[in-house]
């Protein structure tokens, strides 16, 4: 997820630069790079959320960590899986919208 953080920071910097200089991102021809990057980050985020869910199920159901170690609360693991799934849904929406924008730009040209 740290790679996702870096990718999002880079995109935020590009957006801020384009807003300050009135640089049109749609006409630069670089939109396909953003689409590929978003899809790669979406797949990595899905993998992270899925592996977190599998690990949480393993820890809470199979070996019952919450009962064995009273200092660990299993609800923290569940909350982290929910937040990872939410992060994946947001990146999937971003990837879908940039792909749709790319298709619309090439369709109108």
PDB file of N, CA and C in Angstrom:
ATOM      1  N   UNK A   1       0.811  -1.190   0.000  1.00  0.00           N
ATOM      2  CA  UNK A   1       0.000   0.000   0.000  1.00  0.00           C
ATOM      3  C   UNK A   1       0.859   1.260   0.000  1.00  0.00           C
ATOM      4  N   UNK A   2       2.125   1.137   0.343  1.00  0.00           N
ATOM      5  CA  UNK A   2       2.998   2.311   0.282  1.00  0.00           C
ATOM      6  C   UNK A   2       3.228   2.739  -1.168  1.00  0.00           C
ATOM      7  N   UNK A   3       3.255   1.780  -2.079  1.00  0.00           N
ATOM      8  CA  UNK A   3       3.377   2.126  -3.504  1.00  0.00           C
ATOM      9  C   UNK A   3       2.133   2.873  -3.962  1.00  0.00           C
ATOM     10  N   UNK A   4       0.975   2.470  -3.457  1.00  0.00           N
ATOM     11  CA  UNK A   4      -0.268   3.169  -3.768  1.00  0.00           C
ATOM     12  C   UNK A   4      -0.222   4.599  -3.254  1.00  0.00           C
ATOM     13  N   UNK A   5       0.329   4.795  -2.076  1.00  0.00           N
ATOM     14  CA  UNK A   5       0.456   6.136  -1.513  1.00  0.00           C
ATOM     15  C   UNK A   5       1.364   7.010  -2.376  1.00  0.00           C
ATOM     16  N   UNK A   6       2.473   6.454  -2.822  1.00  0.00           N
ATOM     17  CA  UNK A   6       3.397   7.210  -3.678  1.00  0.00           C
ATOM     18  C   UNK A   6       2.746   7.549  -5.008  1.00  0.00           C
ATOM     19  N   UNK A   7       2.046   6.581  -5.602  1.00  0.00           N
ATOM     20  CA  UNK A   7       1.364   6.812  -6.884  1.00  0.00           C
ATOM     21  C   UNK A   7       0.303   7.901  -6.738  1.00  0.00           C
ATOM     22  N   UNK A   8      -0.465   7.864  -5.669  1.00  0.00           N
ATOM     23  CA  UNK A   8      -1.495   8.876  -5.458  1.00  0.00           C
ATOM     24  C   UNK A   8      -0.879  10.250  -5.234  1.00  0.00           C
ATOM     25  N   UNK A   9       0.251  10.302  -4.528  1.00  0.00           N
ATOM     26  CA  UNK A   9       0.924  11.577  -4.318  1.00  0.00           C
ATOM     27  C   UNK A   9       1.445  12.149  -5.632  1.00  0.00           C
ATOM     28  N   UNK A  10       1.994  11.309  -6.485  1.00  0.00           N
ATOM     29  CA  UNK A  10       2.488  11.765  -7.792  1.00  0.00           C
ATOM     30  C   UNK A  10       1.341  12.306  -8.633  1.00  0.00           C
ATOM     31  N   UNK A  11       0.218  11.589  -8.648  1.00  0.00           N
ATOM     32  CA  UNK A  11      -0.937  12.066  -9.413  1.00  0.00           C
ATOM     33  C   UNK A  11      -1.492  13.368  -8.845  1.00  0.00           C
ATOM     34  N   UNK A  12      -1.472  13.518  -7.531  1.00  0.00           N
ATOM     35  CA  UNK A  12      -1.937  14.766  -6.928  1.00  0.00           C
ATOM     36  C   UNK A  12      -1.021  15.925  -7.321  1.00  0.00           C
ATOM     37  N   UNK A  13       0.291  15.677  -7.346  1.00  0.00           N
ATOM     38  CA  UNK A  13       1.225  16.728  -7.775  1.00  0.00           C
ATOM     39  C   UNK A  13       1.009  17.108  -9.240  1.00  0.00           C
ATOM     40  N   UNK A  14       0.769  16.120 -10.088  1.00  0.00           N
ATOM     41  CA  UNK A  14       0.500  16.401 -11.501  1.00  0.00           C
ATOM     42  C   UNK A  14      -0.788  17.198 -11.644  1.00  0.00           C
ATOM     43  N   UNK A  15      -1.820  16.839 -10.875  1.00  0.00           N
ATOM     44  CA  UNK A  15      -3.082  17.578 -10.928  1.00  0.00           C
ATOM     45  C   UNK A  15      -2.918  19.017 -10.458  1.00  0.00           C
ATOM     46  N   UNK A  16      -2.186  19.212  -9.386  1.00  0.00           N
ATOM     47  CA  UNK A  16      -1.968  20.578  -8.884  1.00  0.00           C
ATOM     48  C   UNK A  16      -1.176  21.403  -9.895  1.00  0.00           C
ATOM     49  N   UNK A  17      -0.156  20.798 -10.495  1.00  0.00           N
ATOM     50  CA  UNK A  17       0.632  21.505 -11.507  1.00  0.00           C
ATOM     51  C   UNK A  17      -0.230  21.872 -12.716  1.00  0.00           C
ATOM     52  N   UNK A  18      -1.082  20.945 -13.135  1.00  0.00           N
ATOM     53  CA  UNK A  18      -1.909  21.232 -14.306  1.00  0.00           C
ATOM     54  C   UNK A  18      -2.960  22.291 -14.006  1.00  0.00           C
ATOM     55  N   UNK A  19      -3.443  22.348 -12.771  1.00  0.00           N
ATOM     56  CA  UNK A  19      -4.399  23.392 -12.413  1.00  0.00           C
ATOM     57  C   UNK A  19      -3.737  24.761 -12.320  1.00  0.00           C
ATOM     58  N   UNK A  20      -2.516  24.810 -11.827  1.00  0.00           N
ATOM     59  CA  UNK A  20      -1.816  26.092 -11.703  1.00  0.00           C
ATOM     60  C   UNK A  20      -1.381  26.657 -13.045  1.00  0.00           C
ATOM     61  N   UNK A  21      -1.012  25.810 -13.977  1.00  0.00           N
ATOM     62  CA  UNK A  21      -0.471  26.290 -15.251  1.00  0.00           C
ATOM     63  C   UNK A  21      -1.461  26.177 -16.408  1.00  0.00           C
ATOM     64  N   UNK A  22      -2.721  25.784 -16.118  1.00  0.00           N
ATOM     65  CA  UNK A  22      -3.740  25.561 -17.152  1.00  0.00           C
ATOM     66  C   UNK A  22      -3.261  24.574 -18.214  1.00  0.00           C
ATOM     67  N   UNK A  23      -2.594  23.541 -17.767  1.00  0.00           N
ATOM     68  CA  UNK A  23      -2.082  22.497 -18.643  1.00  0.00           C
ATOM     69  C   UNK A  23      -3.170  21.448 -18.790  1.00  0.00           C
ATOM     70  N   UNK A  24      -3.603  21.205 -20.019  1.00  0.00           N
ATOM     71  CA  UNK A  24      -4.692  20.263 -20.272  1.00  0.00           C
ATOM     72  C   UNK A  24      -4.146  18.837 -20.300  1.00  0.00           C
ATOM     73  N   UNK A  25      -4.525  18.042 -19.325  1.00  0.00           N
ATOM     74  CA  UNK A  25      -4.052  16.660 -19.253  1.00  0.00           C
ATOM     75  C   UNK A  25      -4.663  15.776 -20.325  1.00  0.00           C
ATOM     76  N   UNK A  26      -5.812  16.171 -20.838  1.00  0.00           N
ATOM     77  CA  UNK A  26      -6.493  15.337 -21.830  1.00  0.00           C
ATOM     78  C   UNK A  26      -5.816  15.367 -23.193  1.00  0.00           C
ATOM     79  N   UNK A  27      -5.129  16.433 -23.483  1.00  0.00           N
ATOM     80  CA  UNK A  27      -4.559  16.578 -24.821  1.00  0.00           C
ATOM     81  C   UNK A  27      -3.075  16.288 -24.884  1.00  0.00           C
ATOM     82  N   UNK A  28      -2.503  15.858 -23.804  1.00  0.00           N
ATOM     83  CA  UNK A  28      -1.061  15.640 -23.803  1.00  0.00           C
ATOM     84  C   UNK A  28      -0.660  14.301 -24.398  1.00  0.00           C
ATOM     85  N   UNK A  29      -1.577  13.366 -24.516  1.00  0.00           N
ATOM     86  CA  UNK A  29      -1.233  12.050 -25.028  1.00  0.00           C
ATOM     87  C   UNK A  29      -0.644  11.138 -23.977  1.00  0.00           C
ATOM     88  N   UNK A  30      -0.594  11.611 -22.741  1.00  0.00           N
ATOM     89  CA  UNK A  30      -0.029  10.819 -21.655  1.00  0.00           C
ATOM     90  C   UNK A  30      -1.103  10.147 -20.809  1.00  0.00           C
ATOM     91  N   UNK A  31      -2.352  10.295 -21.208  1.00  0.00           N
ATOM     92  CA  UNK A  31      -3.440   9.754 -20.408  1.00  0.00           C
ATOM     93  C   UNK A  31      -3.378   8.234 -20.323  1.00  0.00           C
ATOM     94  N   UNK A  32      -2.882   7.574 -21.346  1.00  0.00           N
ATOM     95  CA  UNK A  32      -2.799   6.110 -21.313  1.00  0.00           C
ATOM     96  C   UNK A  32      -1.826   5.636 -20.240  1.00  0.00           C
ATOM     97  N   UNK A  33      -0.796   6.452 -19.930  1.00  0.00           N
ATOM     98  CA  UNK A  33       0.130   6.100 -18.845  1.00  0.00           C
ATOM     99  C   UNK A  33      -0.573   6.120 -17.496  1.00  0.00           C
ATOM    100  N   UNK A  34      -1.451   7.106 -17.305  1.00  0.00           N
ATOM    101  CA  UNK A  34      -2.202   7.181 -16.063  1.00  0.00           C
ATOM    102  C   UNK A  34      -3.187   6.025 -15.951  1.00  0.00           C
ATOM    103  N   UNK A  35      -3.774   5.644 -17.059  1.00  0.00           N
ATOM    104  CA  UNK A  35      -4.719   4.528 -17.058  1.00  0.00           C
ATOM    105  C   UNK A  35      -4.012   3.229 -16.690  1.00  0.00           C
ATOM    106  N   UNK A  36      -2.869   2.973 -17.300  1.00  0.00           N
ATOM    107  CA  UNK A  36      -2.123   1.748 -16.986  1.00  0.00           C
ATOM    108  C   UNK A  36      -1.664   1.758 -15.530  1.00  0.00           C
ATOM    109  N   UNK A  37      -1.161   2.887 -15.068  1.00  0.00           N
ATOM    110  CA  UNK A  37      -0.740   2.992 -13.670  1.00  0.00           C
ATOM    111  C   UNK A  37      -1.889   2.782 -12.698  1.00  0.00           C
ATOM    112  N   UNK A  38      -3.055   3.360 -13.016  1.00  0.00           N
ATOM    113  CA  UNK A  38      -4.217   3.168 -12.151  1.00  0.00           C
ATOM    114  C   UNK A  38      -4.655   1.708 -12.110  1.00  0.00           C
ATOM    115  N   UNK A  39      -4.634   1.036 -13.261  1.00  0.00           N
ATOM    116  CA  UNK A  39      -5.045  -0.368 -13.279  1.00  0.00           C
ATOM    117  C   UNK A  39      -4.059  -1.249 -12.529  1.00  0.00           C
ATOM    118  N   UNK A  40      -2.769  -0.962 -12.648  1.00  0.00           N
ATOM    119  CA  UNK A  40      -1.769  -1.733 -11.893  1.00  0.00           C
ATOM    120  C   UNK A  40      -1.959  -1.518 -10.399  1.00  0.00           C
ATOM    121  N   UNK A  41      -2.166  -0.269  -9.996  1.00  0.00           N
ATOM    122  CA  UNK A  41      -2.379   0.014  -8.579  1.00  0.00           C
ATOM    123  C   UNK A  41      -3.681  -0.596  -8.072  1.00  0.00           C
ATOM    124  N   UNK A  42      -4.690  -0.647  -8.907  1.00  0.00           N
ATOM    125  CA  UNK A  42      -5.952  -1.266  -8.512  1.00  0.00           C
ATOM    126  C   UNK A  42      -5.777  -2.754  -8.273  1.00  0.00           C
ATOM    127  N   UNK A  43      -5.043  -3.427  -9.142  1.00  0.00           N
ATOM    128  CA  UNK A  43      -4.818  -4.858  -8.956  1.00  0.00           C
ATOM    129  C   UNK A  43      -3.969  -5.131  -7.713  1.00  0.00           C
ATOM    130  N   UNK A  44      -2.981  -4.287  -7.461  1.00  0.00           N
ATOM    131  CA  UNK A  44      -2.177  -4.455  -6.250  1.00  0.00           C
ATOM    132  C   UNK A  44      -2.997  -4.193  -4.988  1.00  0.00           C
ATOM    133  N   UNK A  45      -3.878  -3.219  -5.046  1.00  0.00           N
ATOM    134  CA  UNK A  45      -4.732  -2.926  -3.902  1.00  0.00           C
ATOM    135  C   UNK A  45      -5.724  -4.059  -3.654  1.00  0.00           C
ATOM    136  N   UNK A  46      -6.234  -4.654  -4.727  1.00  0.00           N
ATOM    137  CA  UNK A  46      -7.127  -5.809  -4.580  1.00  0.00           C
ATOM    138  C   UNK A  46      -6.384  -6.992  -3.973  1.00  0.00           C
ATOM    139  N   UNK A  47      -5.162  -7.197  -4.401  1.00  0.00           N
ATOM    140  CA  UNK A  47      -4.362  -8.286  -3.830  1.00  0.00           C
ATOM    141  C   UNK A  47      -4.090  -8.054  -2.347  1.00  0.00           C
ATOM    142  N   UNK A  48      -3.800  -6.821  -1.972  1.00  0.00           N
ATOM    143  CA  UNK A  48      -3.549  -6.513  -0.566  1.00  0.00           C
ATOM    144  C   UNK A  48      -4.804  -6.700   0.281  1.00  0.00           C
ATOM    145  N   UNK A  49      -5.945  -6.247  -0.233  1.00  0.00           N
ATOM    146  CA  UNK A  49      -7.193  -6.400   0.518  1.00  0.00           C
ATOM    147  C   UNK A  49      -7.585  -7.866   0.639  1.00  0.00           C
ATOM    148  N   UNK A  50      -7.401  -8.634  -0.416  1.00  0.00           N
ATOM    149  CA  UNK A  50      -7.754 -10.056  -0.377  1.00  0.00           C
ATOM    150  C   UNK A  50      -6.846 -10.835   0.559  1.00  0.00           C
ATOM    151  N   UNK A  51      -5.565 -10.543   0.515  1.00  0.00           N
ATOM    152  CA  UNK A  51      -4.654 -11.253   1.418  1.00  0.00           C
ATOM    153  C   UNK A  51      -4.889 -10.852   2.872  1.00  0.00           C
ATOM    154  N   UNK A  52      -5.246  -9.599   3.106  1.00  0.00           N
ATOM    155  CA  UNK A  52      -5.572  -9.180   4.469  1.00  0.00           C
ATOM    156  C   UNK A  52      -6.828  -9.884   4.972  1.00  0.00           C
ATOM    157  N   UNK A  53      -7.809 -10.028   4.097  1.00  0.00           N
ATOM    158  CA  UNK A  53      -9.034 -10.732   4.492  1.00  0.00           C
ATOM    159  C   UNK A  53      -8.748 -12.200   4.781  1.00  0.00           C
ATOM    160  N   UNK A  54      -7.940 -12.824   3.941  1.00  0.00           N
ATOM    161  CA  UNK A  54      -7.612 -14.233   4.167  1.00  0.00           C
ATOM    162  C   UNK A  54      -6.845 -14.413   5.472  1.00  0.00           C
ATOM    163  N   UNK A  55      -5.907 -13.522   5.755  1.00  0.00           N
ATOM    164  CA  UNK A  55      -5.142 -13.612   6.995  1.00  0.00           C
ATOM    165  C   UNK A  55      -6.029 -13.372   8.207  1.00  0.00           C
ATOM    166  N   UNK A  56      -6.956 -12.445   8.106  1.00  0.00           N
ATOM    167  CA  UNK A  56      -7.867 -12.180   9.214  1.00  0.00           C
ATOM    168  C   UNK A  56      -8.760 -13.379   9.490  1.00  0.00           C
ATOM    169  N   UNK A  57      -9.269 -13.997   8.437  1.00  0.00           N
ATOM    170  CA  UNK A  57     -10.092 -15.202   8.615  1.00  0.00           C
ATOM    171  C   UNK A  57      -9.266 -16.312   9.239  1.00  0.00           C
ATOM    172  N   UNK A  58      -8.044 -16.457   8.789  1.00  0.00           N
ATOM    173  CA  UNK A  58      -7.171 -17.492   9.348  1.00  0.00           C
ATOM    174  C   UNK A  58      -6.902 -17.250  10.826  1.00  0.00           C
ATOM    175  N   UNK A  59      -6.590 -15.999  11.179  1.00  0.00           N
ATOM    176  CA  UNK A  59      -6.254 -15.700  12.577  1.00  0.00           C
ATOM    177  C   UNK A  59      -7.462 -15.782  13.507  1.00  0.00           C
ATOM    178  N   UNK A  60      -8.615 -15.313  13.051  1.00  0.00           N
ATOM    179  CA  UNK A  60      -9.773 -15.274  13.947  1.00  0.00           C
ATOM    180  C   UNK A  60     -10.531 -16.594  13.991  1.00  0.00           C
ATOM    181  N   UNK A  61     -10.585 -17.309  12.890  1.00  0.00           N
ATOM    182  CA  UNK A  61     -11.388 -18.523  12.838  1.00  0.00           C
ATOM    183  C   UNK A  61     -10.568 -19.777  13.093  1.00  0.00           C
ATOM    184  N   UNK A  62      -9.451 -19.896  12.411  1.00  0.00           N
ATOM    185  CA  UNK A  62      -8.703 -21.146  12.475  1.00  0.00           C
ATOM    186  C   UNK A  62      -7.871 -21.290  13.736  1.00  0.00           C
ATOM    187  N   UNK A  63      -7.109 -20.267  14.098  1.00  0.00           N
ATOM    188  CA  UNK A  63      -6.261 -20.417  15.277  1.00  0.00           C
ATOM    189  C   UNK A  63      -6.744 -19.589  16.457  1.00  0.00           C
ATOM    190  N   UNK A  64      -7.810 -18.852  16.290  1.00  0.00           N
ATOM    191  CA  UNK A  64      -8.478 -18.101  17.353  1.00  0.00           C
ATOM    192  C   UNK A  64      -7.502 -17.269  18.188  1.00  0.00           C
ATOM    193  N   UNK A  65      -6.860 -16.335  17.521  1.00  0.00           N
ATOM    194  CA  UNK A  65      -5.867 -15.482  18.174  1.00  0.00           C
ATOM    195  C   UNK A  65      -6.508 -14.618  19.249  1.00  0.00           C
ATOM    196  N   UNK A  66      -7.707 -14.150  19.016  1.00  0.00           N
ATOM    197  CA  UNK A  66      -8.372 -13.280  19.985  1.00  0.00           C
ATOM    198  C   UNK A  66      -8.621 -13.961  21.317  1.00  0.00           C
ATOM    199  N   UNK A  67      -8.803 -15.266  21.310  1.00  0.00           N
ATOM    200  CA  UNK A  67      -9.042 -15.986  22.554  1.00  0.00           C
ATOM    201  C   UNK A  67      -7.730 -16.391  23.225  1.00  0.00           C
ATOM    202  N   UNK A  68      -6.717 -16.693  22.408  1.00  0.00           N
ATOM    203  CA  UNK A  68      -5.435 -17.128  22.950  1.00  0.00           C
ATOM    204  C   UNK A  68      -4.675 -15.959  23.568  1.00  0.00           C
ATOM    205  N   UNK A  69      -4.625 -14.831  22.882  1.00  0.00           N
ATOM    206  CA  UNK A  69      -3.894 -13.660  23.370  1.00  0.00           C
ATOM    207  C   UNK A  69      -4.901 -12.544  23.648  1.00  0.00           C
ATOM    208  N   UNK A  70      -5.179 -12.262  24.923  1.00  0.00           N
ATOM    209  CA  UNK A  70      -6.220 -11.271  25.225  1.00  0.00           C
ATOM    210  C   UNK A  70      -5.818  -9.838  24.877  1.00  0.00           C
ATOM    211  N   UNK A  71      -4.531  -9.581  24.639  1.00  0.00           N
ATOM    212  CA  UNK A  71      -4.103  -8.227  24.305  1.00  0.00           C
ATOM    213  C   UNK A  71      -4.356  -7.871  22.845  1.00  0.00           C
ATOM    214  N   UNK A  72      -4.563  -8.862  22.022  1.00  0.00           N
ATOM    215  CA  UNK A  72      -4.869  -8.617  20.617  1.00  0.00           C
ATOM    216  C   UNK A  72      -6.380  -8.635  20.433  1.00  0.00           C
ATOM    217  N   UNK A  73      -6.891  -7.599  19.856  1.00  0.00           N
ATOM    218  CA  UNK A  73      -8.316  -7.589  19.560  1.00  0.00           C
ATOM    219  C   UNK A  73      -8.508  -7.909  18.090  1.00  0.00           C
ATOM    220  N   UNK A  74      -9.342  -8.864  17.834  1.00  0.00           N
ATOM    221  CA  UNK A  74      -9.571  -9.287  16.460  1.00  0.00           C
ATOM    222  C   UNK A  74     -10.369  -8.256  15.670  1.00  0.00           C
ATOM    223  N   UNK A  75     -11.045  -7.354  16.366  1.00  0.00           N
ATOM    224  CA  UNK A  75     -11.811  -6.340  15.658  1.00  0.00           C
ATOM    225  C   UNK A  75     -10.888  -5.382  14.901  1.00  0.00           C
ATOM    226  N   UNK A  76      -9.657  -5.192  15.369  1.00  0.00           N
ATOM    227  CA  UNK A  76      -8.713  -4.333  14.651  1.00  0.00           C
ATOM    228  C   UNK A  76      -8.386  -4.929  13.292  1.00  0.00           C
ATOM    229  N   UNK A  77      -8.233  -6.235  13.241  1.00  0.00           N
ATOM    230  CA  UNK A  77      -7.961  -6.892  11.964  1.00  0.00           C
ATOM    231  C   UNK A  77      -9.138  -6.725  11.015  1.00  0.00           C
ATOM    232  N   UNK A  78     -10.325  -6.850  11.548  1.00  0.00           N
ATOM    233  CA  UNK A  78     -11.521  -6.721  10.711  1.00  0.00           C
ATOM    234  C   UNK A  78     -11.677  -5.299  10.176  1.00  0.00           C
ATOM    235  N   UNK A  79     -11.381  -4.328  11.008  1.00  0.00           N
ATOM    236  CA  UNK A  79     -11.458  -2.931  10.575  1.00  0.00           C
ATOM    237  C   UNK A  79     -10.425  -2.654   9.485  1.00  0.00           C
ATOM    238  N   UNK A  80      -9.236  -3.213   9.624  1.00  0.00           N
ATOM    239  CA  UNK A  80      -8.211  -2.994   8.600  1.00  0.00           C
ATOM    240  C   UNK A  80      -8.610  -3.624   7.271  1.00  0.00           C
ATOM    241  N   UNK A  81      -9.282  -4.757   7.313  1.00  0.00           N
ATOM    242  CA  UNK A  81      -9.760  -5.373   6.072  1.00  0.00           C
ATOM    243  C   UNK A  81     -10.858  -4.523   5.440  1.00  0.00           C
ATOM    244  N   UNK A  82     -11.736  -3.980   6.252  1.00  0.00           N
ATOM    245  CA  UNK A  82     -12.791  -3.109   5.725  1.00  0.00           C
ATOM    246  C   UNK A  82     -12.181  -1.870   5.077  1.00  0.00           C
ATOM    247  N   UNK A  83     -11.189  -1.272   5.725  1.00  0.00           N
ATOM    248  CA  UNK A  83     -10.548  -0.076   5.162  1.00  0.00           C
ATOM    249  C   UNK A  83      -9.763  -0.405   3.892  1.00  0.00           C
ATOM    250  N   UNK A  84      -9.115  -1.563   3.850  1.00  0.00           N
ATOM    251  CA  UNK A  84      -8.396  -1.966   2.636  1.00  0.00           C
ATOM    252  C   UNK A  84      -9.376  -2.215   1.491  1.00  0.00           C
ATOM    253  N   UNK A  85     -10.523  -2.791   1.788  1.00  0.00           N
ATOM    254  CA  UNK A  85     -11.532  -3.011   0.751  1.00  0.00           C
ATOM    255  C   UNK A  85     -12.123  -1.699   0.255  1.00  0.00           C
ATOM    256  N   UNK A  86     -12.300  -0.750   1.166  1.00  0.00           N
ATOM    257  CA  UNK A  86     -12.775   0.566   0.749  1.00  0.00           C
ATOM    258  C   UNK A  86     -11.743   1.265  -0.127  1.00  0.00           C
ATOM    259  N   UNK A  87     -10.472   1.157   0.237  1.00  0.00           N
ATOM    260  CA  UNK A  87      -9.414   1.762  -0.575  1.00  0.00           C
ATOM    261  C   UNK A  87      -9.386   1.129  -1.958  1.00  0.00           C
ATOM    262  N   UNK A  88      -9.580  -0.184  -2.022  1.00  0.00           N
ATOM    263  CA  UNK A  88      -9.618  -0.843  -3.322  1.00  0.00           C
ATOM    264  C   UNK A  88     -10.806  -0.354  -4.141  1.00  0.00           C
ATOM    265  N   UNK A  89     -11.970  -0.192  -3.520  1.00  0.00           N
ATOM    266  CA  UNK A  89     -13.134   0.257  -4.286  1.00  0.00           C
ATOM    267  C   UNK A  89     -12.927   1.670  -4.832  1.00  0.00           C
ATOM    268  N   UNK A  90     -12.249   2.523  -4.069  1.00  0.00           N
ATOM    269  CA  UNK A  90     -11.979   3.875  -4.559  1.00  0.00           C
ATOM    270  C   UNK A  90     -10.980   3.856  -5.718  1.00  0.00           C
ATOM    271  N   UNK A  91      -9.948   3.043  -5.613  1.00  0.00           N
ATOM    272  CA  UNK A  91      -8.987   2.977  -6.712  1.00  0.00           C
ATOM    273  C   UNK A  91      -9.598   2.310  -7.933  1.00  0.00           C
ATOM    274  N   UNK A  92     -10.503   1.359  -7.727  1.00  0.00           N
ATOM    275  CA  UNK A  92     -11.186   0.742  -8.868  1.00  0.00           C
ATOM    276  C   UNK A  92     -12.087   1.754  -9.568  1.00  0.00           C
ATOM    277  N   UNK A  93     -12.749   2.594  -8.805  1.00  0.00           N
ATOM    278  CA  UNK A  93     -13.578   3.642  -9.403  1.00  0.00           C
ATOM    279  C   UNK A  93     -12.716   4.642 -10.170  1.00  0.00           C
ATOM    280  N   UNK A  94     -11.560   4.976  -9.629  1.00  0.00           N
ATOM    281  CA  UNK A  94     -10.646   5.882 -10.316  1.00  0.00           C
ATOM    282  C   UNK A  94     -10.132   5.260 -11.610  1.00  0.00           C
ATOM    283  N   UNK A  95      -9.762   3.991 -11.551  1.00  0.00           N
ATOM    284  CA  UNK A  95      -9.256   3.321 -12.749  1.00  0.00           C
ATOM    285  C   UNK A  95     -10.345   3.205 -13.808  1.00  0.00           C
ATOM    286  N   UNK A  96     -11.546   2.909 -13.383  1.00  0.00           N
ATOM    287  CA  UNK A  96     -12.658   2.828 -14.339  1.00  0.00           C
ATOM    288  C   UNK A  96     -12.968   4.154 -14.989  1.00  0.00           C
ATOM    289  N   UNK A  97     -12.933   5.233 -14.199  1.00  0.00           N
ATOM    290  CA  UNK A  97     -13.244   6.545 -14.766  1.00  0.00           C
ATOM    291  C   UNK A  97     -12.132   7.030 -15.701  1.00  0.00           C
ATOM    292  N   UNK A  98     -10.861   6.761 -15.383  1.00  0.00           N
ATOM    293  CA  UNK A  98      -9.798   7.177 -16.304  1.00  0.00           C
ATOM    294  C   UNK A  98      -9.822   6.342 -17.582  1.00  0.00           C
ATOM    295  N   UNK A  99     -10.175   5.064 -17.471  1.00  0.00           N
ATOM    296  CA  UNK A  99     -10.308   4.254 -18.683  1.00  0.00           C
ATOM    297  C   UNK A  99     -11.457   4.752 -19.545  1.00  0.00           C
ATOM    298  N   UNK A 100     -12.561   5.117 -18.920  1.00  0.00           N
ATOM    299  CA  UNK A 100     -13.706   5.641 -19.654  1.00  0.00           C
ATOM    300  C   UNK A 100     -13.338   6.964 -20.321  1.00  0.00           C
ATOM    301  N   UNK A 101     -12.583   7.815 -19.625  1.00  0.00           N
ATOM    302  CA  UNK A 101     -12.131   9.075 -20.205  1.00  0.00           C
ATOM    303  C   UNK A 101     -11.216   8.828 -21.400  1.00  0.00           C
ATOM    304  N   UNK A 102     -10.336   7.850 -21.290  1.00  0.00           N
ATOM    305  CA  UNK A 102      -9.443   7.521 -22.404  1.00  0.00           C
ATOM    306  C   UNK A 102     -10.228   7.034 -23.611  1.00  0.00           C
ATOM    307  N   UNK A 103     -11.200   6.190 -23.389  1.00  0.00           N
ATOM    308  CA  UNK A 103     -12.030   5.675 -24.483  1.00  0.00           C
ATOM    309  C   UNK A 103     -12.816   6.817 -25.129  1.00  0.00           C
ATOM    310  N   UNK A 104     -13.363   7.707 -24.327  1.00  0.00           N
ATOM    311  CA  UNK A 104     -14.125   8.836 -24.871  1.00  0.00           C
ATOM    312  C   UNK A 104     -13.233   9.772 -25.687  1.00  0.00           C
ATOM    313  N   UNK A 105     -11.996   9.988 -25.237  1.00  0.00           N
ATOM    314  CA  UNK A 105     -11.093  10.868 -25.971  1.00  0.00           C
ATOM    315  C   UNK A 105     -10.693  10.260 -27.311  1.00  0.00           C
ATOM    316  N   UNK A 106     -10.420   8.952 -27.329  1.00  0.00           N
ATOM    317  CA  UNK A 106     -10.058   8.314 -28.583  1.00  0.00           C
ATOM    318  C   UNK A 106     -11.251   8.106 -29.496  1.00  0.00           C
ATOM    319  N   UNK A 107     -12.439   8.010 -28.908  1.00  0.00           N
ATOM    320  CA  UNK A 107     -13.641   7.836 -29.716  1.00  0.00           C
ATOM    321  C   UNK A 107     -14.025   9.143 -30.407  1.00  0.00           C
ATOM    322  N   UNK A 108     -13.793  10.270 -29.736  1.00  0.00           N
ATOM    323  CA  UNK A 108     -14.161  11.562 -30.317  1.00  0.00           C
ATOM    324  C   UNK A 108     -13.117  12.047 -31.322  1.00  0.00           C
ATOM    325  N   UNK A 109     -11.918  11.484 -31.291  1.00  0.00           N
ATOM    326  CA  UNK A 109     -10.859  11.950 -32.195  1.00  0.00           C
ATOM    327  C   UNK A 109     -10.967  11.360 -33.571  1.00  0.00           C
TER     328      UNK A 109
END
